[in-house]
C-alpha atoms as a PDB file:
ATOM      1  CA  MET A   1      16.279 -10.194   4.541  1.00  0.00           C
ATOM      2  CA  ARG A   2      17.666  -9.938   1.614  1.00  0.00           C
ATOM      3  CA  ILE A   3      16.751  -5.802  -0.042  1.00  0.00           C
ATOM      4  CA  THR A   4      19.061  -4.425  -3.059  1.00  0.00           C
ATOM      5  CA  ARG A   5      21.294  -1.750  -2.016  1.00  0.00           C
ATOM      6  CA  ARG A   6      18.978   0.465  -4.786  1.00  0.00           C
ATOM      7  CA  ALA A   7      16.121   0.153  -2.084  1.00  0.00           C
ATOM      8  CA  LEU A   8      18.912   0.819   1.241  1.00  0.00           C
ATOM      9  CA  GLU A   9      19.998   3.704  -0.728  1.00  0.00           C
ATOM     10  CA  GLU A  10      15.944   4.626  -0.616  1.00  0.00           C
ATOM     11  CA  VAL A  11      16.172   3.622   3.077  1.00  0.00           C
ATOM     12  CA  HIS A  12      19.296   5.958   4.213  1.00  0.00           C
ATOM     13  CA  ALA A  13      17.932   8.928   1.417  1.00  0.00           C
ATOM     14  CA  HIS A  14      14.699   9.539   4.114  1.00  0.00           C
ATOM     15  CA  ALA A  15      15.789   8.351   7.145  1.00  0.00           C
ATOM     16  CA  ALA A  16      19.105  11.505   5.775  1.00  0.00           C
ATOM     17  CA  GLU A  17      16.696  13.957   4.668  1.00  0.00           C
ATOM     18  CA  GLY A  18      13.573  14.128   7.578  1.00  0.00           C
ATOM     19  CA  TYR A  19      16.352  14.047  10.365  1.00  0.00           C
ATOM     20  CA  PRO A  20      15.915  14.978  12.720  1.00  0.00           C
ATOM     21  CA  TYR A  21      12.283  13.292  13.169  1.00  0.00           C
ATOM     22  CA  GLU A  22      11.039   9.912  13.271  1.00  0.00           C
ATOM     23  CA  VAL A  23      10.821   8.789   9.890  1.00  0.00           C
ATOM     24  CA  CYS A  24       8.781   5.788   8.232  1.00  0.00           C
ATOM     25  CA  GLY A  25       8.005   3.905   5.839  1.00  0.00           C
ATOM     26  CA  MET A  26       7.318   0.030   3.424  1.00  0.00           C
ATOM     27  CA  LEU A  27       9.819  -2.394   2.149  1.00  0.00           C
ATOM     28  CA  ILE A  28       8.067  -4.533  -0.812  1.00  0.00           C
ATOM     29  CA  GLY A  29       9.211  -7.418  -3.035  1.00  0.00           C
ATOM     30  CA  ARG A  30       8.215  -9.056  -5.971  1.00  0.00           C
ATOM     31  CA  HIS A  31       4.588 -11.450  -4.516  1.00  0.00           C
ATOM     32  CA  GLY A  32       6.735 -14.325  -3.015  1.00  0.00           C
ATOM     33  CA  SER A  33       9.895 -13.600  -4.556  1.00  0.00           C
ATOM     34  CA  GLY A  34      11.231 -12.392  -0.792  1.00  0.00           C
ATOM     35  CA  LEU A  35      13.563  -9.684  -1.599  1.00  0.00           C
ATOM     36  CA  VAL A  36      12.456  -6.352  -0.561  1.00  0.00           C
ATOM     37  CA  THR A  37      13.419  -4.417  -4.111  1.00  0.00           C
ATOM     38  CA  GLN A  38      11.342  -0.694  -3.704  1.00  0.00           C
ATOM     39  CA  THR A  39      10.330   1.220  -0.326  1.00  0.00           C
ATOM     40  CA  ARG A  40       7.345   3.220  -0.467  1.00  0.00           C
ATOM     41  CA  ARG A  41       7.114   6.942   2.458  1.00  0.00           C
ATOM     42  CA  VAL A  42       4.881   6.364   5.060  1.00  0.00           C
ATOM     43  CA  ARG A  43       4.271   9.841   6.400  1.00  0.00           C
ATOM     44  CA  ASN A  44       4.525  10.441   9.895  1.00  0.00           C
ATOM     45  CA  THR A  45       1.519  10.938  11.569  1.00  0.00           C
ATOM     46  CA  VAL A  46       3.385  11.582  14.919  1.00  0.00           C
ATOM     47  CA  VAL A  47       4.197  16.143  15.534  1.00  0.00           C
ATOM     48  CA  ASP A  48       4.344  16.166  19.608  1.00  0.00           C
ATOM     49  CA  ARG A  49       7.024  13.201  19.754  1.00  0.00           C
ATOM     50  CA  ALA A  50       8.183  13.137  16.291  1.00  0.00           C
ATOM     51  CA  ARG A  51      12.167  12.978  17.231  1.00  0.00           C
ATOM     52  CA  ASP A  52      11.657   9.339  18.780  1.00  0.00           C
ATOM     53  CA  ARG A  53       8.506   7.263  18.026  1.00  0.00           C
ATOM     54  CA  TYR A  54       6.320   7.290  14.921  1.00  0.00           C
ATOM     55  CA  GLU A  55       2.396   6.250  14.102  1.00  0.00           C
ATOM     56  CA  MET A  56       1.758   5.182  10.538  1.00  0.00           C
ATOM     57  CA  ASP A  57      -0.795   6.742   8.299  1.00  0.00           C
ATOM     58  CA  PRO A  58      -3.240   5.364   7.857  1.00  0.00           C
ATOM     59  CA  ARG A  59      -4.350   6.853   3.970  1.00  0.00           C
ATOM     60  CA  ASP A  60      -1.166   5.699   3.034  1.00  0.00           C
ATOM     61  CA  GLN A  61      -1.098   2.064   4.248  1.00  0.00           C
ATOM     62  CA  ILE A  62      -3.985   1.264   1.822  1.00  0.00           C
ATOM     63  CA  ARG A  63      -2.375   3.219  -0.162  1.00  0.00           C
ATOM     64  CA  ILE A  64       0.079   1.513  -0.503  1.00  0.00           C
ATOM     65  CA  GLN A  65      -1.159  -1.918   0.097  1.00  0.00           C
ATOM     66  CA  ARG A  66      -3.725  -1.380  -3.332  1.00  0.00           C
ATOM     67  CA  GLU A  67      -1.106  -0.379  -5.545  1.00  0.00           C
ATOM     68  CA  CYS A  68       0.676  -3.844  -4.339  1.00  0.00           C
ATOM     69  CA  ASP A  69      -2.131  -5.783  -4.860  1.00  0.00           C
ATOM     70  CA  ASP A  70      -2.802  -4.061  -8.439  1.00  0.00           C
ATOM     71  CA  ASN A  71       0.581  -5.322  -9.645  1.00  0.00           C
ATOM     72  CA  GLY A  72       2.186  -8.726  -8.630  1.00  0.00           C
ATOM     73  CA  TYR A  73       4.143  -6.527  -4.865  1.00  0.00           C
ATOM     74  CA  GLU A  74       3.781  -7.536  -1.157  1.00  0.00           C
ATOM     75  CA  ILE A  75       4.993  -5.172   1.300  1.00  0.00           C
ATOM     76  CA  LEU A  76       7.452  -7.643   3.305  1.00  0.00           C
ATOM     77  CA  GLY A  77       8.391  -5.123   5.903  1.00  0.00           C
ATOM     78  CA  TYR A  78       8.524  -1.673   7.380  1.00  0.00           C
ATOM     79  CA  TYR A  79      10.743  -0.057   8.020  1.00  0.00           C
ATOM     80  CA  HIS A  80      12.012   3.495  10.376  1.00  0.00           C
ATOM     81  CA  SER A  81      14.735   5.322  12.034  1.00  0.00           C
ATOM     82  CA  HIS A  82      16.402   6.538  15.422  1.00  0.00           C
ATOM     83  CA  PRO A  83      17.702  10.035  15.187  1.00  0.00           C
ATOM     84  CA  ASP A  84      20.632   9.618  17.485  1.00  0.00           C
ATOM     85  CA  HIS A  85      19.676   6.065  18.871  1.00  0.00           C
ATOM     86  CA  PRO A  86      21.150   2.765  17.212  1.00  0.00           C
ATOM     87  CA  ALA A  87      19.694   0.847  15.045  1.00  0.00           C
ATOM     88  CA  GLN A  88      17.858  -1.370  18.278  1.00  0.00           C
ATOM     89  CA  ALA A  89      14.716  -2.731  18.335  1.00  0.00           C
ATOM     90  CA  SER A  90      12.696  -0.470  21.616  1.00  0.00           C
ATOM     91  CA  VAL A  91      10.491  -1.552  24.134  1.00  0.00           C
ATOM     92  CA  THR A  92       7.982   0.810  21.902  1.00  0.00           C
ATOM     93  CA  ASP A  93       9.186  -0.575  17.927  1.00  0.00           C
ATOM     94  CA  THR A  94       9.006  -4.365  20.388  1.00  0.00           C
ATOM     95  CA  ALA A  95       5.864  -3.280  21.585  1.00  0.00           C
ATOM     96  CA  ARG A  96       4.303  -2.947  18.585  1.00  0.00           C
ATOM     97  CA  SER A  97       5.272  -5.166  16.213  1.00  0.00           C
ATOM     98  CA  TRP A  98       3.737  -7.797  13.708  1.00  0.00           C
ATOM     99  CA  ALA A  99       5.050 -11.740  13.920  1.00  0.00           C
ATOM    100  CA  GLY A 100       5.107 -11.925  10.646  1.00  0.00           C
ATOM    101  CA  PRO A 101       7.158  -9.029   8.124  1.00  0.00           C
ATOM    102  CA  VAL A 102       9.883  -7.502   8.376  1.00  0.00           C
ATOM    103  CA  TYR A 103      11.490  -3.904  10.790  1.00  0.00           C
ATOM    104  CA  LEU A 104      14.118  -2.390   9.327  1.00  0.00           C
ATOM    105  CA  ILE A 105      15.788   0.329  11.667  1.00  0.00           C
ATOM    106  CA  VAL A 106      18.281   2.786  10.260  1.00  0.00           C
ATOM    107  CA  SER A 107      20.202   4.760  13.501  1.00  0.00           C
ATOM    108  CA  CYS A 108      20.879   9.268  11.902  1.00  0.00           C
ATOM    109  CA  VAL A 109      23.293  10.226  13.817  1.00  0.00           C
ATOM    110  CA  ARG A 110      23.334  13.929  12.368  1.00  0.00           C
ATOM    111  CA  GLY A 111      21.022  13.433   9.789  1.00  0.00           C
ATOM    112  CA  GLN A 112      23.671  10.720   8.643  1.00  0.00           C
ATOM    113  CA  VAL A 113      23.368   7.380   8.137  1.00  0.00           C
ATOM    114  CA  VAL A 114      25.174   5.021  10.506  1.00  0.00           C
ATOM    115  CA  ASP A 115      23.804   1.446  10.660  1.00  0.00           C
ATOM    116  CA  GLY A 116      20.928  -0.791  10.402  1.00  0.00           C
ATOM    117  CA  ASN A 117      19.895  -3.952  11.783  1.00  0.00           C
ATOM    118  CA  ALA A 118      16.108  -5.843  10.180  1.00  0.00           C
ATOM    119  CA  PHE A 119      14.633  -7.636  13.044  1.00  0.00           C
ATOM    120  CA  VAL A 120      11.398 -10.312  13.414  1.00  0.00           C
ATOM    121  CA  ALA A 121       8.622 -10.186  16.179  1.00  0.00           C
ATOM    122  CA  GLU A 122       8.638 -14.145  17.682  1.00  0.00           C
ATOM    123  CA  GLN A 123       4.630 -13.392  18.396  1.00  0.00           C
ATOM    124  CA  ASP A 124       3.169  -9.795  18.326  1.00  0.00           C
ATOM    125  CA  GLY A 125       4.559  -7.919  20.274  1.00  0.00           C
ATOM    126  CA  GLY A 126       8.161  -8.927  20.316  1.00  0.00           C
ATOM    127  CA  PRO A 127      10.029 -10.510  22.036  1.00  0.00           C
ATOM    128  CA  MET A 128      12.217  -9.336  17.973  1.00  0.00           C
ATOM    129  CA  ARG A 129      14.721 -11.089  16.796  1.00  0.00           C
ATOM    130  CA  PRO A 130      17.801 -10.113  15.229  1.00  0.00           C
ATOM    131  CA  GLU A 131      17.569 -10.808  11.340  1.00  0.00           C
ATOM    132  CA  PRO A 132      20.897 -11.620   8.902  1.00  0.00           C
ATOM    133  CA  LEU A 133      21.068  -8.567   6.636  1.00  0.00           C
ATOM    134  CA  GLU A 134      21.899  -9.430   2.888  1.00  0.00           C
ATOM    135  CA  VAL A 135      23.019  -6.303   0.540  1.00  0.00           C
ATOM    136  CA  VAL A 136      22.459  -7.451  -3.372  1.00  0.00           C
ATOM    137  CA  ASN A 137      22.534  -5.411  -6.342  1.00  0.00           C
END
């Protein structure tokens, strides 16, 4: 996964601001580029387990997809945070994954992002394999 430093910093800022709850969002790039240059925050609709679960607001997803379609961008993947837990795909993350997009998970400990890893599902529902994370300027 290739991502600009600025886009990665946006993910980190969102995770820190949302701590101690999981945050989620979309990773966006110019159509066909394979480079994440933008992010979009998506509201986490989970209330009672927001410390260890997330559900992306479908209205946000539709709005963002339309914005991308209208402006020559595409959704390359998704991100979310793991408050006080490692940046590894959980059983839940794996079960809910789709083949194709990249999943970026960042570990946020005491409000500071300490790690991040990317994953790709080999098929819908996993298994997930690590994807190299390349930060570009």
